[in-house]
N, C-alpha and C. Protein backbone atom coordinates (compact mmCIF):
# COMPACT_ATOMS: atom_id res chain seq x y z
N UNK A 1 0.59 83.04 -99.55
CA UNK A 1 1.99 82.71 -99.38
C UNK A 1 2.76 83.22 -100.58
N UNK A 2 3.90 83.82 -100.33
CA UNK A 2 4.71 84.36 -101.39
C UNK A 2 6.13 83.80 -101.29
N UNK A 3 6.68 83.43 -102.41
CA UNK A 3 8.04 82.88 -102.47
C UNK A 3 8.96 83.98 -102.95
N UNK A 4 10.04 84.20 -102.20
CA UNK A 4 11.04 85.17 -102.62
C UNK A 4 12.24 84.44 -103.22
N UNK A 5 13.23 85.20 -103.67
CA UNK A 5 14.40 84.60 -104.32
C UNK A 5 15.18 83.71 -103.36
N UNK A 6 15.25 84.08 -102.09
CA UNK A 6 15.99 83.27 -101.12
C UNK A 6 15.32 81.90 -100.92
N UNK A 7 13.99 81.89 -100.85
CA UNK A 7 13.26 80.63 -100.71
C UNK A 7 13.43 79.79 -101.98
N UNK A 8 13.40 80.43 -103.13
CA UNK A 8 13.61 79.72 -104.40
C UNK A 8 15.00 79.09 -104.42
N UNK A 9 15.99 79.79 -103.90
CA UNK A 9 17.35 79.26 -103.81
C UNK A 9 17.37 77.99 -102.94
N UNK A 10 16.66 78.05 -101.80
CA UNK A 10 16.62 76.89 -100.89
C UNK A 10 15.92 75.70 -101.55
N UNK A 11 14.82 75.97 -102.24
CA UNK A 11 14.09 74.90 -102.91
C UNK A 11 14.96 74.28 -104.01
N UNK A 12 15.66 75.09 -104.76
CA UNK A 12 16.53 74.58 -105.81
C UNK A 12 17.64 73.73 -105.21
N UNK A 13 18.18 74.16 -104.07
CA UNK A 13 19.23 73.38 -103.42
C UNK A 13 18.68 72.04 -102.94
N UNK A 14 17.48 72.05 -102.33
CA UNK A 14 16.86 70.80 -101.87
C UNK A 14 16.58 69.85 -103.03
N UNK A 15 16.19 70.42 -104.18
CA UNK A 15 15.90 69.61 -105.36
C UNK A 15 17.16 69.27 -106.14
N UNK A 16 18.29 69.79 -105.67
CA UNK A 16 19.59 69.58 -106.32
C UNK A 16 19.56 70.04 -107.78
N UNK A 17 18.99 71.24 -107.96
CA UNK A 17 18.92 71.86 -109.27
C UNK A 17 19.79 73.11 -109.24
N UNK A 18 20.70 73.22 -110.19
CA UNK A 18 21.54 74.40 -110.25
C UNK A 18 20.77 75.52 -110.93
N UNK A 19 20.60 76.62 -110.22
CA UNK A 19 19.90 77.79 -110.75
C UNK A 19 20.84 78.98 -110.58
N UNK A 20 21.07 79.66 -111.68
CA UNK A 20 21.95 80.84 -111.63
C UNK A 20 21.28 81.96 -110.85
N UNK A 21 22.07 82.84 -110.28
CA UNK A 21 21.56 83.94 -109.45
C UNK A 21 20.56 84.81 -110.20
N UNK A 22 20.84 85.09 -111.47
CA UNK A 22 19.94 85.97 -112.23
C UNK A 22 18.63 85.28 -112.61
N UNK A 23 18.54 83.96 -112.44
CA UNK A 23 17.31 83.24 -112.75
C UNK A 23 16.44 82.98 -111.52
N UNK A 24 16.94 83.32 -110.33
CA UNK A 24 16.19 83.05 -109.10
C UNK A 24 14.88 83.81 -109.02
N UNK A 25 14.87 85.06 -109.47
CA UNK A 25 13.63 85.84 -109.39
C UNK A 25 12.57 85.26 -110.34
N UNK A 26 12.98 84.77 -111.50
CA UNK A 26 12.04 84.15 -112.43
C UNK A 26 11.50 82.85 -111.85
N UNK A 27 12.37 82.07 -111.19
CA UNK A 27 11.94 80.83 -110.56
C UNK A 27 10.96 81.12 -109.42
N UNK A 28 11.24 82.15 -108.65
CA UNK A 28 10.32 82.54 -107.57
C UNK A 28 8.97 82.94 -108.15
N UNK A 29 8.98 83.63 -109.27
CA UNK A 29 7.73 84.01 -109.93
C UNK A 29 6.94 82.79 -110.38
N UNK A 30 7.64 81.78 -110.91
CA UNK A 30 6.96 80.55 -111.32
C UNK A 30 6.36 79.83 -110.12
N UNK A 31 7.12 79.78 -109.03
CA UNK A 31 6.59 79.18 -107.80
C UNK A 31 5.33 79.91 -107.33
N UNK A 32 5.37 81.22 -107.37
CA UNK A 32 4.21 82.01 -106.94
C UNK A 32 3.00 81.76 -107.85
N UNK A 33 3.23 81.59 -109.14
CA UNK A 33 2.15 81.27 -110.07
C UNK A 33 1.53 79.92 -109.73
N UNK A 34 2.38 78.93 -109.43
CA UNK A 34 1.89 77.59 -109.07
C UNK A 34 1.10 77.67 -107.77
N UNK A 35 1.63 78.37 -106.78
CA UNK A 35 0.92 78.49 -105.51
C UNK A 35 -0.40 79.24 -105.68
N UNK A 36 -0.44 80.23 -106.56
CA UNK A 36 -1.69 80.94 -106.84
C UNK A 36 -2.73 80.02 -107.45
N UNK A 37 -2.29 79.13 -108.34
CA UNK A 37 -3.21 78.18 -108.93
C UNK A 37 -3.74 77.21 -107.87
N UNK A 38 -2.87 76.77 -106.97
CA UNK A 38 -3.30 75.88 -105.89
C UNK A 38 -4.31 76.58 -105.00
N UNK A 39 -4.08 77.84 -104.69
CA UNK A 39 -5.04 78.60 -103.88
C UNK A 39 -6.37 78.73 -104.61
N UNK A 40 -6.32 78.90 -105.93
CA UNK A 40 -7.55 78.99 -106.71
C UNK A 40 -8.30 77.65 -106.66
N UNK A 41 -7.59 76.54 -106.70
CA UNK A 41 -8.23 75.23 -106.62
C UNK A 41 -8.87 75.01 -105.25
N UNK A 42 -8.31 75.61 -104.20
CA UNK A 42 -8.86 75.46 -102.86
C UNK A 42 -10.27 76.05 -102.75
N UNK A 43 -10.61 77.00 -103.62
CA UNK A 43 -11.91 77.65 -103.54
C UNK A 43 -13.01 76.86 -104.24
N UNK A 44 -12.66 75.81 -104.98
CA UNK A 44 -13.65 75.02 -105.72
C UNK A 44 -14.48 74.20 -104.74
N UNK A 45 -15.80 74.24 -104.92
CA UNK A 45 -16.71 73.47 -104.06
C UNK A 45 -16.78 72.04 -104.58
N UNK A 46 -16.28 71.09 -103.82
CA UNK A 46 -16.29 69.69 -104.21
C UNK A 46 -17.20 68.86 -103.31
N UNK A 47 -18.12 69.52 -102.63
CA UNK A 47 -19.05 68.83 -101.74
C UNK A 47 -19.92 67.87 -102.55
N UNK A 48 -19.94 66.62 -102.15
CA UNK A 48 -20.76 65.62 -102.82
C UNK A 48 -20.13 65.00 -104.05
N UNK A 49 -18.92 65.37 -104.41
CA UNK A 49 -18.25 64.80 -105.57
C UNK A 49 -17.50 63.56 -105.12
N UNK A 50 -17.81 62.44 -105.75
CA UNK A 50 -17.16 61.18 -105.38
C UNK A 50 -15.75 61.12 -105.97
N UNK A 51 -14.80 60.53 -105.24
CA UNK A 51 -13.45 60.35 -105.79
C UNK A 51 -13.48 59.42 -106.99
N UNK A 52 -12.59 59.68 -107.94
CA UNK A 52 -12.55 58.88 -109.16
C UNK A 52 -11.17 58.25 -109.33
N UNK A 53 -11.14 57.08 -109.95
CA UNK A 53 -9.87 56.48 -110.33
C UNK A 53 -9.60 56.69 -111.81
N UNK A 54 -10.62 57.08 -112.55
CA UNK A 54 -10.49 57.29 -113.98
C UNK A 54 -11.61 58.22 -114.43
N UNK A 55 -11.45 58.85 -115.59
CA UNK A 55 -12.50 59.72 -116.10
C UNK A 55 -13.60 58.92 -116.78
N UNK A 56 -13.33 57.66 -117.10
CA UNK A 56 -14.35 56.80 -117.67
C UNK A 56 -14.80 55.82 -116.60
N UNK A 57 -16.11 55.59 -116.48
CA UNK A 57 -16.58 54.68 -115.45
C UNK A 57 -16.18 53.24 -115.78
N UNK A 58 -15.43 52.64 -114.91
CA UNK A 58 -15.01 51.26 -115.12
C UNK A 58 -14.73 50.61 -113.77
N UNK A 59 -14.86 49.31 -113.73
CA UNK A 59 -14.55 48.58 -112.51
C UNK A 59 -13.23 47.85 -112.71
N UNK A 60 -12.41 47.84 -111.68
CA UNK A 60 -11.14 47.14 -111.76
C UNK A 60 -11.38 45.64 -111.66
N UNK A 61 -10.62 44.89 -112.44
CA UNK A 61 -10.72 43.45 -112.37
C UNK A 61 -10.15 42.99 -111.04
N UNK A 62 -10.81 42.05 -110.43
CA UNK A 62 -10.36 41.55 -109.14
C UNK A 62 -10.06 40.07 -109.25
N UNK A 63 -9.12 39.63 -108.46
CA UNK A 63 -8.80 38.21 -108.39
C UNK A 63 -8.79 37.79 -106.94
N UNK A 64 -8.89 36.52 -106.73
CA UNK A 64 -8.87 36.01 -105.36
C UNK A 64 -7.48 36.25 -104.76
N UNK A 65 -7.45 36.71 -103.54
CA UNK A 65 -6.18 36.97 -102.87
C UNK A 65 -5.76 35.70 -102.13
N UNK A 66 -5.18 34.78 -102.89
CA UNK A 66 -4.77 33.51 -102.32
C UNK A 66 -3.26 33.35 -102.43
N UNK A 67 -2.69 32.68 -101.47
CA UNK A 67 -1.25 32.44 -101.46
C UNK A 67 -0.99 31.17 -102.25
N UNK A 68 -0.05 31.27 -103.19
CA UNK A 68 0.34 30.09 -103.96
C UNK A 68 1.82 29.85 -103.76
N UNK A 69 2.22 28.63 -103.94
CA UNK A 69 3.62 28.27 -103.74
C UNK A 69 4.48 28.79 -104.88
N UNK A 70 3.90 28.92 -106.04
CA UNK A 70 4.69 29.33 -107.19
C UNK A 70 5.25 28.11 -107.89
N UNK A 71 6.32 27.55 -107.34
CA UNK A 71 6.94 26.33 -107.84
C UNK A 71 7.16 26.40 -109.35
N UNK A 72 7.71 27.51 -109.83
CA UNK A 72 7.96 27.68 -111.25
C UNK A 72 9.42 28.03 -111.51
N UNK A 73 10.31 27.58 -110.64
CA UNK A 73 11.72 27.92 -110.76
C UNK A 73 12.28 27.46 -112.11
N UNK A 74 11.98 26.25 -112.51
CA UNK A 74 12.52 25.73 -113.77
C UNK A 74 12.01 26.54 -114.96
N UNK A 75 10.73 26.91 -114.94
CA UNK A 75 10.16 27.67 -116.06
C UNK A 75 10.77 29.07 -116.12
N UNK A 76 11.00 29.69 -114.97
CA UNK A 76 11.59 31.03 -114.94
C UNK A 76 13.04 30.99 -115.39
N UNK A 77 13.78 30.03 -114.89
CA UNK A 77 15.21 29.94 -115.24
C UNK A 77 15.42 29.49 -116.68
N UNK A 78 14.39 28.94 -117.32
CA UNK A 78 14.52 28.55 -118.73
C UNK A 78 14.74 29.77 -119.61
N UNK A 79 14.31 30.96 -119.15
CA UNK A 79 14.48 32.21 -119.91
C UNK A 79 15.86 32.83 -119.70
N UNK A 80 16.60 32.34 -118.73
CA UNK A 80 17.89 32.96 -118.39
C UNK A 80 18.97 32.54 -119.37
N UNK A 81 19.82 33.49 -119.80
CA UNK A 81 20.92 33.12 -120.67
C UNK A 81 21.93 32.23 -119.94
N UNK A 82 22.04 32.41 -118.61
CA UNK A 82 22.96 31.60 -117.82
C UNK A 82 22.38 31.43 -116.42
N UNK A 83 22.19 30.18 -116.01
CA UNK A 83 21.65 29.90 -114.69
C UNK A 83 22.51 28.84 -114.03
N UNK A 84 22.80 29.06 -112.74
CA UNK A 84 23.62 28.10 -111.99
C UNK A 84 23.02 27.89 -110.61
N UNK A 85 22.93 26.67 -110.20
CA UNK A 85 22.48 26.30 -108.86
C UNK A 85 21.11 26.90 -108.51
N UNK A 86 20.24 27.00 -109.51
CA UNK A 86 18.90 27.49 -109.26
C UNK A 86 18.77 29.00 -109.23
N UNK A 87 19.79 29.74 -109.70
CA UNK A 87 19.76 31.20 -109.69
C UNK A 87 20.17 31.74 -111.06
N UNK A 88 19.78 32.99 -111.35
CA UNK A 88 20.29 33.67 -112.53
C UNK A 88 21.77 33.93 -112.32
N UNK A 89 22.58 33.68 -113.31
CA UNK A 89 24.01 33.99 -113.25
C UNK A 89 24.25 35.22 -114.11
N UNK A 90 24.90 36.21 -113.52
CA UNK A 90 25.18 37.46 -114.24
C UNK A 90 26.67 37.74 -114.20
N UNK A 91 27.18 38.49 -115.18
CA UNK A 91 28.60 38.80 -115.17
C UNK A 91 28.95 39.69 -113.96
N UNK A 92 30.16 39.57 -113.49
CA UNK A 92 30.63 40.38 -112.38
C UNK A 92 30.76 41.83 -112.84
N UNK A 93 30.20 42.76 -112.08
CA UNK A 93 30.25 44.17 -112.48
C UNK A 93 31.10 45.00 -111.53
N UNK A 94 31.43 44.48 -110.36
CA UNK A 94 32.26 45.19 -109.42
C UNK A 94 33.54 44.41 -109.22
N UNK A 95 34.63 45.08 -109.38
CA UNK A 95 35.93 44.42 -109.20
C UNK A 95 36.34 44.42 -107.77
């Protein structure tokens, strides 16, 4: 797959990036370099390689998936600079 200047223009527009006309060919070249690297990665044999979540072997900590009521409204609102009627009170930002 090859990216030309017109495709680079479309990608820049979709990404909402302003690219000058004289820079489109350089951007297309960068896209082609990235796509070439992706094609190179496609040739790597990964048969039998297990997926990893980290480069160091570790197990994620697990907790019981239980539903709790919470019931900590007073403790949470104690941190608020201003609380009214059980809610955080914030200054009005829209007139």
